[in-house]
Amino acid sequence: MRTVLYLRSNEKKMFDALPSELRQKWESKIVEETADNFETPEELEVRVARYSKNPTLAPFLEEANGRLQKGEDLGSVLGSMPEKALKVFIDAIGNSGICALIEIAFLSGKVDEAALTGIATLSDIRHRQMMHSSVLA
């Protein structure tokens, strides 16, 4: 499977600020994300309320909150998410949340090859969800 970075215009600007040697490896893999199927604040509020009590996700959220309050890096916290909780988490945060995670990753100052692979994965999930949402609309 070809790795693609689906980047919105603000994310592309953050990508462009990366060191040139890193950018050169990824520039040919960038596709502009033009879909804009985002959840309303009300939809996200309902999802978060519903999923915060989900037995698959709730234990992780409680642990993650404590780790973040102690100053632990968001990437490290999310990297320890149990696989069974990942789908639930992605659905709970929606496309808006995925955008926020991508922005946080770019702004972390720790973007390397592995981080870009993670960003590409998030951008692919967001792209697929947006395409699915546009078909349903």
C-alpha atoms as a PDB file:
ATOM      1  CA  MET A   1       0.000   0.000   0.000  1.00  0.00           C
ATOM      2  CA  ARG A   2       1.286   3.454  -0.915  1.00  0.00           C
ATOM      3  CA  THR A   3       1.676   5.763   2.050  1.00  0.00           C
ATOM      4  CA  VAL A   4      -0.118   9.061   1.477  1.00  0.00           C
ATOM      5  CA  LEU A   5      -0.184  12.228   3.558  1.00  0.00           C
ATOM      6  CA  TYR A   6      -3.624  13.801   3.143  1.00  0.00           C
ATOM      7  CA  LEU A   7      -2.905  17.319   4.382  1.00  0.00           C
ATOM      8  CA  ARG A   8      -5.206  20.293   4.786  1.00  0.00           C
ATOM      9  CA  SER A   9      -3.700  23.681   3.876  1.00  0.00           C
ATOM     10  CA  ASN A  10      -2.743  24.573   7.472  1.00  0.00           C
ATOM     11  CA  GLU A  11      -1.120  21.144   7.936  1.00  0.00           C
ATOM     12  CA  LYS A  12       0.828  21.575   4.694  1.00  0.00           C
ATOM     13  CA  LYS A  13       2.282  24.814   6.086  1.00  0.00           C
ATOM     14  CA  MET A  14       3.450  22.920   9.177  1.00  0.00           C
ATOM     15  CA  PHE A  15       4.903  20.195   6.965  1.00  0.00           C
ATOM     16  CA  ASP A  16       6.748  22.844   4.938  1.00  0.00           C
ATOM     17  CA  ALA A  17       8.434  24.054   8.143  1.00  0.00           C
ATOM     18  CA  LEU A  18      10.087  20.645   8.702  1.00  0.00           C
ATOM     19  CA  PRO A  19      13.776  20.127   7.877  1.00  0.00           C
ATOM     20  CA  SER A  20      14.342  19.788   4.122  1.00  0.00           C
ATOM     21  CA  GLU A  21      15.883  16.293   4.303  1.00  0.00           C
ATOM     22  CA  LEU A  22      12.733  14.983   5.989  1.00  0.00           C
ATOM     23  CA  ARG A  23      10.378  16.877   3.670  1.00  0.00           C
ATOM     24  CA  GLN A  24      12.125  15.536   0.563  1.00  0.00           C
ATOM     25  CA  LYS A  25      11.274  11.955   1.525  1.00  0.00           C
ATOM     26  CA  TRP A  26       7.568  12.772   1.846  1.00  0.00           C
ATOM     27  CA  GLU A  27       6.754  15.567  -0.623  1.00  0.00           C
ATOM     28  CA  SER A  28       5.786  13.166  -3.405  1.00  0.00           C
ATOM     29  CA  LYS A  29       3.334  11.462  -1.029  1.00  0.00           C
ATOM     30  CA  ILE A  30       1.260  14.559  -0.228  1.00  0.00           C
ATOM     31  CA  VAL A  31      -2.314  14.851  -1.452  1.00  0.00           C
ATOM     32  CA  GLU A  32      -4.322  17.960  -0.600  1.00  0.00           C
ATOM     33  CA  GLU A  33      -7.253  17.124   1.678  1.00  0.00           C
ATOM     34  CA  THR A  34     -10.191  19.134   0.396  1.00  0.00           C
ATOM     35  CA  ALA A  35     -13.081  17.322   2.081  1.00  0.00           C
ATOM     36  CA  ASP A  36     -14.608  19.212   4.965  1.00  0.00           C
ATOM     37  CA  ASN A  37     -17.119  16.861   6.537  1.00  0.00           C
ATOM     38  CA  PHE A  38     -16.730  17.759  10.190  1.00  0.00           C
ATOM     39  CA  GLU A  39     -18.962  16.920  13.086  1.00  0.00           C
ATOM     40  CA  THR A  40     -20.966  19.638  14.781  1.00  0.00           C
ATOM     41  CA  PRO A  41     -20.001  20.521  18.357  1.00  0.00           C
ATOM     42  CA  GLU A  42     -23.255  18.911  19.474  1.00  0.00           C
ATOM     43  CA  GLU A  43     -22.423  15.629  17.708  1.00  0.00           C
ATOM     44  CA  LEU A  44     -18.989  15.543  19.317  1.00  0.00           C
ATOM     45  CA  GLU A  45     -20.446  16.295  22.736  1.00  0.00           C
ATOM     46  CA  VAL A  46     -22.834  13.336  22.425  1.00  0.00           C
ATOM     47  CA  ARG A  47     -20.044  11.035  21.247  1.00  0.00           C
ATOM     48  CA  VAL A  48     -17.653  12.021  24.007  1.00  0.00           C
ATOM     49  CA  ALA A  49     -20.351  11.603  26.659  1.00  0.00           C
ATOM     50  CA  ARG A  50     -21.266   8.182  25.270  1.00  0.00           C
ATOM     51  CA  TYR A  51     -17.721   6.909  24.812  1.00  0.00           C
ATOM     52  CA  SER A  52     -16.294   8.283  28.047  1.00  0.00           C
ATOM     53  CA  LYS A  53     -18.287   5.558  29.809  1.00  0.00           C
ATOM     54  CA  ASN A  54     -17.432   2.846  27.268  1.00  0.00           C
ATOM     55  CA  PRO A  55     -15.816  -0.124  29.067  1.00  0.00           C
ATOM     56  CA  THR A  56     -13.263  -0.464  26.268  1.00  0.00           C
ATOM     57  CA  LEU A  57     -12.160   3.165  26.367  1.00  0.00           C
ATOM     58  CA  ALA A  58     -12.916   4.473  29.879  1.00  0.00           C
ATOM     59  CA  PRO A  59      -9.957   2.795  31.666  1.00  0.00           C
ATOM     60  CA  PHE A  60      -7.531   4.140  29.077  1.00  0.00           C
ATOM     61  CA  LEU A  61      -8.994   7.670  29.274  1.00  0.00           C
ATOM     62  CA  GLU A  62      -8.638   7.706  33.048  1.00  0.00           C
ATOM     63  CA  GLU A  63      -5.023   6.536  32.863  1.00  0.00           C
ATOM     64  CA  ALA A  64      -4.230   8.925  29.988  1.00  0.00           C
ATOM     65  CA  ASN A  65      -5.644  11.896  31.892  1.00  0.00           C
ATOM     66  CA  GLY A  66      -3.382  11.166  34.853  1.00  0.00           C
ATOM     67  CA  ARG A  67      -0.314  10.739  32.656  1.00  0.00           C
ATOM     68  CA  LEU A  68      -1.001  13.962  30.749  1.00  0.00           C
ATOM     69  CA  GLN A  69      -1.493  15.891  34.005  1.00  0.00           C
ATOM     70  CA  LYS A  70       1.953  14.673  35.081  1.00  0.00           C
ATOM     71  CA  GLY A  71       3.372  16.213  31.899  1.00  0.00           C
ATOM     72  CA  GLU A  72       3.810  13.072  29.835  1.00  0.00           C
ATOM     73  CA  ASP A  73       3.996  13.515  26.065  1.00  0.00           C
ATOM     74  CA  LEU A  74       0.678  13.071  24.210  1.00  0.00           C
ATOM     75  CA  GLY A  75       2.312  10.828  21.597  1.00  0.00           C
ATOM     76  CA  SER A  76       3.568   8.481  24.287  1.00  0.00           C
ATOM     77  CA  VAL A  77       0.165   8.356  25.952  1.00  0.00           C
ATOM     78  CA  LEU A  78      -1.696   7.697  22.702  1.00  0.00           C
ATOM     79  CA  GLY A  79       0.931   5.152  21.664  1.00  0.00           C
ATOM     80  CA  SER A  80       0.012   3.042  24.679  1.00  0.00           C
ATOM     81  CA  MET A  81      -3.681   2.898  23.772  1.00  0.00           C
ATOM     82  CA  PRO A  82      -4.950  -0.684  23.654  1.00  0.00           C
ATOM     83  CA  GLU A  83      -5.757  -1.689  20.082  1.00  0.00           C
ATOM     84  CA  LYS A  84      -9.328  -2.607  20.988  1.00  0.00           C
ATOM     85  CA  ALA A  85      -9.891   0.972  22.212  1.00  0.00           C
ATOM     86  CA  LEU A  86      -8.482   2.650  19.093  1.00  0.00           C
ATOM     87  CA  LYS A  87     -11.585   2.384  16.890  1.00  0.00           C
ATOM     88  CA  VAL A  88     -13.800   3.616  19.701  1.00  0.00           C
ATOM     89  CA  PHE A  89     -11.426   6.527  20.384  1.00  0.00           C
ATOM     90  CA  ILE A  90     -11.236   7.553  16.701  1.00  0.00           C
ATOM     91  CA  ASP A  91     -15.022   7.493  16.423  1.00  0.00           C
ATOM     92  CA  ALA A  92     -15.376   9.519  19.622  1.00  0.00           C
ATOM     93  CA  ILE A  93     -13.017  12.325  18.567  1.00  0.00           C
ATOM     94  CA  GLY A  94     -14.221  12.407  14.951  1.00  0.00           C
ATOM     95  CA  ASN A  95     -12.552  14.233  12.096  1.00  0.00           C
ATOM     96  CA  SER A  96     -12.118  17.378  14.199  1.00  0.00           C
ATOM     97  CA  GLY A  97     -10.213  15.437  16.827  1.00  0.00           C
ATOM     98  CA  ILE A  98      -8.028  13.779  14.218  1.00  0.00           C
ATOM     99  CA  CYS A  99      -7.170  17.239  12.846  1.00  0.00           C
ATOM    100  CA  ALA A 100      -6.186  18.307  16.357  1.00  0.00           C
ATOM    101  CA  LEU A 101      -3.970  15.240  16.819  1.00  0.00           C
ATOM    102  CA  ILE A 102      -2.237  15.887  13.501  1.00  0.00           C
ATOM    103  CA  GLU A 103      -1.631  19.517  14.466  1.00  0.00           C
ATOM    104  CA  ILE A 104      -0.320  18.526  17.905  1.00  0.00           C
ATOM    105  CA  ALA A 105       2.054  16.053  16.255  1.00  0.00           C
ATOM    106  CA  PHE A 106       3.408  18.689  13.869  1.00  0.00           C
ATOM    107  CA  LEU A 107       3.795  21.256  16.651  1.00  0.00           C
ATOM    108  CA  SER A 108       5.477  18.838  19.068  1.00  0.00           C
ATOM    109  CA  GLY A 109       8.931  19.624  17.716  1.00  0.00           C
ATOM    110  CA  LYS A 110       9.614  15.888  17.573  1.00  0.00           C
ATOM    111  CA  VAL A 111       8.639  15.115  13.986  1.00  0.00           C
ATOM    112  CA  ASP A 112      10.780  12.404  12.439  1.00  0.00           C
ATOM    113  CA  GLU A 113      10.182   9.601   9.938  1.00  0.00           C
ATOM    114  CA  ALA A 114       8.163   7.562  12.453  1.00  0.00           C
ATOM    115  CA  ALA A 115       6.044  10.575  13.429  1.00  0.00           C
ATOM    116  CA  LEU A 116       5.275  11.303   9.768  1.00  0.00           C
ATOM    117  CA  THR A 117       4.213   7.699   9.296  1.00  0.00           C
ATOM    118  CA  GLY A 118       1.828   8.139  12.242  1.00  0.00           C
ATOM    119  CA  ILE A 119       0.549  11.428  10.822  1.00  0.00           C
ATOM    120  CA  ALA A 120       0.006   9.697   7.471  1.00  0.00           C
ATOM    121  CA  THR A 121      -2.020   6.977   9.195  1.00  0.00           C
ATOM    122  CA  LEU A 122      -4.185   9.547  10.981  1.00  0.00           C
ATOM    123  CA  SER A 123      -4.642  11.534   7.776  1.00  0.00           C
ATOM    124  CA  ASP A 124      -5.702   8.375   5.935  1.00  0.00           C
ATOM    125  CA  ILE A 125      -8.271   7.521   8.619  1.00  0.00           C
ATOM    126  CA  ARG A 126      -9.627  11.073   8.489  1.00  0.00           C
ATOM    127  CA  HIS A 127      -9.725  11.023   4.676  1.00  0.00           C
ATOM    128  CA  ARG A 128     -11.646   7.736   4.611  1.00  0.00           C
ATOM    129  CA  GLN A 129     -14.116   8.978   7.229  1.00  0.00           C
ATOM    130  CA  MET A 130     -14.662  12.208   5.318  1.00  0.00           C
ATOM    131  CA  MET A 131     -15.217  10.346   2.060  1.00  0.00           C
ATOM    132  CA  HIS A 132     -17.636   7.981   3.803  1.00  0.00           C
ATOM    133  CA  SER A 133     -19.488  10.930   5.380  1.00  0.00           C
ATOM    134  CA  SER A 134     -19.797  12.696   2.031  1.00  0.00           C
ATOM    135  CA  VAL A 135     -21.351   9.584   0.483  1.00  0.00           C
ATOM    136  CA  LEU A 136     -23.906   9.407   3.293  1.00  0.00           C
ATOM    137  CA  ALA A 137     -24.786  13.108   3.118  1.00  0.00           C
END
